[in-house]
Amino acid sequence: MGFMDDAKETAKAVGEKISDTWEDTTDRVGDKVDEMKADADVKKAEAERDSVKTRNDIKEDLRDN
């Protein structure tokens, strides 16, 4: 019985390790996705800011002329 108990404990430990590794991997992937979404949001906001500035500059030039 000792051999079977050891095998069960080893199998359980391996299963837990695989589970922990899977959770870590999914967390890392999720973090990377969140980072990429945040970068995209920043780029979109910067592009919008630049667009508004350009539009305002053009309006200002038209008012001056």
N, C-alpha and C. Protein backbone atom coordinates (compact mmCIF):
# COMPACT_ATOMS: atom_id res chain seq x y z
N MET A 1 0.81 -1.19 0.00
CA MET A 1 0.00 0.00 0.00
C MET A 1 0.85 1.26 0.00
N GLY A 2 2.02 1.22 0.55
CA GLY A 2 2.87 2.41 0.61
C GLY A 2 3.23 2.93 -0.77
N PHE A 3 3.49 1.99 -1.69
CA PHE A 3 3.83 2.39 -3.05
C PHE A 3 2.66 3.09 -3.73
N MET A 4 1.45 2.57 -3.54
CA MET A 4 0.26 3.17 -4.16
C MET A 4 -0.03 4.54 -3.56
N ASP A 5 0.15 4.67 -2.27
CA ASP A 5 -0.07 5.96 -1.63
C ASP A 5 0.93 7.00 -2.14
N ASP A 6 2.18 6.58 -2.28
CA ASP A 6 3.20 7.48 -2.81
C ASP A 6 2.88 7.89 -4.25
N ALA A 7 2.42 6.94 -5.04
CA ALA A 7 2.07 7.23 -6.43
C ALA A 7 0.90 8.19 -6.50
N LYS A 8 -0.09 8.00 -5.62
CA LYS A 8 -1.24 8.91 -5.60
C LYS A 8 -0.82 10.32 -5.20
N GLU A 9 0.05 10.41 -4.20
CA GLU A 9 0.52 11.72 -3.75
C GLU A 9 1.34 12.41 -4.85
N THR A 10 2.16 11.64 -5.52
CA THR A 10 2.97 12.19 -6.61
C THR A 10 2.07 12.67 -7.74
N ALA A 11 1.08 11.87 -8.10
CA ALA A 11 0.16 12.25 -9.16
C ALA A 11 -0.62 13.51 -8.77
N LYS A 12 -1.02 13.58 -7.52
CA LYS A 12 -1.74 14.76 -7.04
C LYS A 12 -0.85 15.99 -7.10
N ALA A 13 0.40 15.85 -6.68
CA ALA A 13 1.34 16.97 -6.71
C ALA A 13 1.60 17.45 -8.14
N VAL A 14 1.74 16.49 -9.05
CA VAL A 14 1.95 16.84 -10.47
C VAL A 14 0.72 17.56 -11.00
N GLY A 15 -0.45 17.07 -10.68
CA GLY A 15 -1.70 17.71 -11.10
C GLY A 15 -1.81 19.14 -10.59
N GLU A 16 -1.44 19.34 -9.33
CA GLU A 16 -1.48 20.68 -8.74
C GLU A 16 -0.47 21.60 -9.43
N LYS A 17 0.70 21.08 -9.73
CA LYS A 17 1.74 21.86 -10.40
C LYS A 17 1.27 22.27 -11.80
N ILE A 18 0.67 21.35 -12.51
CA ILE A 18 0.15 21.66 -13.85
C ILE A 18 -0.95 22.71 -13.75
N SER A 19 -1.81 22.58 -12.78
CA SER A 19 -2.89 23.54 -12.57
C SER A 19 -2.33 24.93 -12.26
N ASP A 20 -1.34 24.98 -11.36
CA ASP A 20 -0.72 26.25 -11.01
C ASP A 20 -0.04 26.89 -12.22
N THR A 21 0.65 26.07 -13.00
CA THR A 21 1.33 26.57 -14.20
C THR A 21 0.32 27.11 -15.19
N TRP A 22 -0.79 26.41 -15.36
CA TRP A 22 -1.83 26.84 -16.29
C TRP A 22 -2.42 28.18 -15.83
N GLU A 23 -2.69 28.32 -14.55
CA GLU A 23 -3.24 29.57 -14.02
C GLU A 23 -2.25 30.72 -14.22
N ASP A 24 -0.98 30.47 -13.96
CA ASP A 24 0.04 31.50 -14.16
C ASP A 24 0.11 31.92 -15.62
N THR A 25 0.04 30.95 -16.50
CA THR A 25 0.11 31.24 -17.94
C THR A 25 -1.10 32.06 -18.38
N THR A 26 -2.28 31.68 -17.95
CA THR A 26 -3.47 32.43 -18.34
C THR A 26 -3.44 33.83 -17.75
N ASP A 27 -2.93 33.98 -16.54
CA ASP A 27 -2.79 35.31 -15.94
C ASP A 27 -1.82 36.17 -16.75
N ARG A 28 -0.71 35.59 -17.16
CA ARG A 28 0.27 36.34 -17.96
C ARG A 28 -0.31 36.76 -19.30
N VAL A 29 -1.03 35.86 -19.94
CA VAL A 29 -1.66 36.18 -21.22
C VAL A 29 -2.69 37.30 -21.01
N GLY A 30 -3.48 37.19 -19.98
CA GLY A 30 -4.47 38.22 -19.68
C GLY A 30 -3.82 39.57 -19.41
N ASP A 31 -2.72 39.55 -18.67
CA ASP A 31 -2.00 40.79 -18.39
C ASP A 31 -1.46 41.42 -19.67
N LYS A 32 -0.94 40.59 -20.56
CA LYS A 32 -0.40 41.10 -21.82
C LYS A 32 -1.52 41.69 -22.68
N VAL A 33 -2.67 41.02 -22.71
CA VAL A 33 -3.81 41.54 -23.46
C VAL A 33 -4.25 42.89 -22.89
N ASP A 34 -4.32 42.98 -21.57
CA ASP A 34 -4.69 44.24 -20.94
C ASP A 34 -3.69 45.34 -21.28
N GLU A 35 -2.41 45.00 -21.28
CA GLU A 35 -1.36 45.96 -21.62
C GLU A 35 -1.51 46.44 -23.06
N MET A 36 -1.79 45.52 -23.96
CA MET A 36 -1.94 45.89 -25.37
C MET A 36 -3.18 46.76 -25.58
N LYS A 37 -4.25 46.47 -24.87
CA LYS A 37 -5.46 47.30 -24.97
C LYS A 37 -5.18 48.70 -24.44
N ALA A 38 -4.46 48.79 -23.34
CA ALA A 38 -4.13 50.09 -22.78
C ALA A 38 -3.25 50.89 -23.74
N ASP A 39 -2.28 50.24 -24.35
CA ASP A 39 -1.43 50.91 -25.34
C ASP A 39 -2.26 51.41 -26.51
N ALA A 40 -3.20 50.60 -26.97
CA ALA A 40 -4.06 51.00 -28.08
C ALA A 40 -4.93 52.19 -27.69
N ASP A 41 -5.43 52.18 -26.45
CA ASP A 41 -6.24 53.31 -25.98
C ASP A 41 -5.42 54.59 -25.93
N VAL A 42 -4.18 54.47 -25.49
CA VAL A 42 -3.29 55.64 -25.42
C VAL A 42 -3.03 56.17 -26.83
N LYS A 43 -2.72 55.29 -27.75
CA LYS A 43 -2.45 55.72 -29.13
C LYS A 43 -3.68 56.38 -29.74
N LYS A 44 -4.86 55.84 -29.46
CA LYS A 44 -6.09 56.42 -29.97
C LYS A 44 -6.30 57.81 -29.38
N ALA A 45 -6.07 57.95 -28.09
CA ALA A 45 -6.24 59.24 -27.43
C ALA A 45 -5.24 60.26 -27.97
N GLU A 46 -4.01 59.82 -28.18
CA GLU A 46 -2.99 60.74 -28.73
C GLU A 46 -3.36 61.17 -30.14
N ALA A 47 -3.85 60.25 -30.95
CA ALA A 47 -4.25 60.59 -32.31
C ALA A 47 -5.42 61.57 -32.29
N GLU A 48 -6.36 61.34 -31.40
CA GLU A 48 -7.50 62.26 -31.28
C GLU A 48 -7.04 63.64 -30.83
N ARG A 49 -6.12 63.67 -29.88
CA ARG A 49 -5.58 64.95 -29.41
C ARG A 49 -4.89 65.70 -30.55
N ASP A 50 -4.09 64.99 -31.32
CA ASP A 50 -3.39 65.61 -32.44
C ASP A 50 -4.38 66.12 -33.48
N SER A 51 -5.42 65.35 -33.71
CA SER A 51 -6.44 65.76 -34.68
C SER A 51 -7.15 67.03 -34.23
N VAL A 52 -7.51 67.09 -32.96
CA VAL A 52 -8.18 68.29 -32.43
C VAL A 52 -7.24 69.49 -32.50
N LYS A 53 -5.98 69.30 -32.16
CA LYS A 53 -5.02 70.40 -32.22
C LYS A 53 -4.88 70.92 -33.64
N THR A 54 -4.77 70.00 -34.60
CA THR A 54 -4.64 70.41 -36.00
C THR A 54 -5.88 71.16 -36.45
N ARG A 55 -7.04 70.64 -36.11
CA ARG A 55 -8.29 71.31 -36.49
C ARG A 55 -8.37 72.70 -35.87
N ASN A 56 -7.99 72.81 -34.61
CA ASN A 56 -8.02 74.12 -33.94
C ASN A 56 -7.00 75.08 -34.55
N ASP A 57 -5.84 74.58 -34.93
CA ASP A 57 -4.84 75.43 -35.59
C ASP A 57 -5.35 75.96 -36.92
N ILE A 58 -6.02 75.09 -37.68
CA ILE A 58 -6.57 75.50 -38.97
C ILE A 58 -7.65 76.56 -38.76
N LYS A 59 -8.52 76.35 -37.79
CA LYS A 59 -9.57 77.32 -37.49
C LYS A 59 -8.96 78.67 -37.10
N GLU A 60 -7.92 78.61 -36.28
CA GLU A 60 -7.25 79.84 -35.83
C GLU A 60 -6.64 80.58 -37.01
N ASP A 61 -6.01 79.83 -37.92
CA ASP A 61 -5.42 80.44 -39.13
C ASP A 61 -6.51 81.10 -39.97
N LEU A 62 -7.66 80.44 -40.10
CA LEU A 62 -8.75 81.01 -40.89
C LEU A 62 -9.29 82.28 -40.23
N ARG A 63 -9.34 82.33 -38.93
CA ARG A 63 -9.81 83.52 -38.23
C ARG A 63 -8.85 84.69 -38.41
N ASP A 64 -7.56 84.37 -38.41
CA ASP A 64 -6.55 85.41 -38.56
C ASP A 64 -6.50 86.00 -39.96
N ASN A 65 -6.90 85.24 -40.95
CA ASN A 65 -6.83 85.71 -42.33
C ASN A 65 -8.11 86.31 -42.71
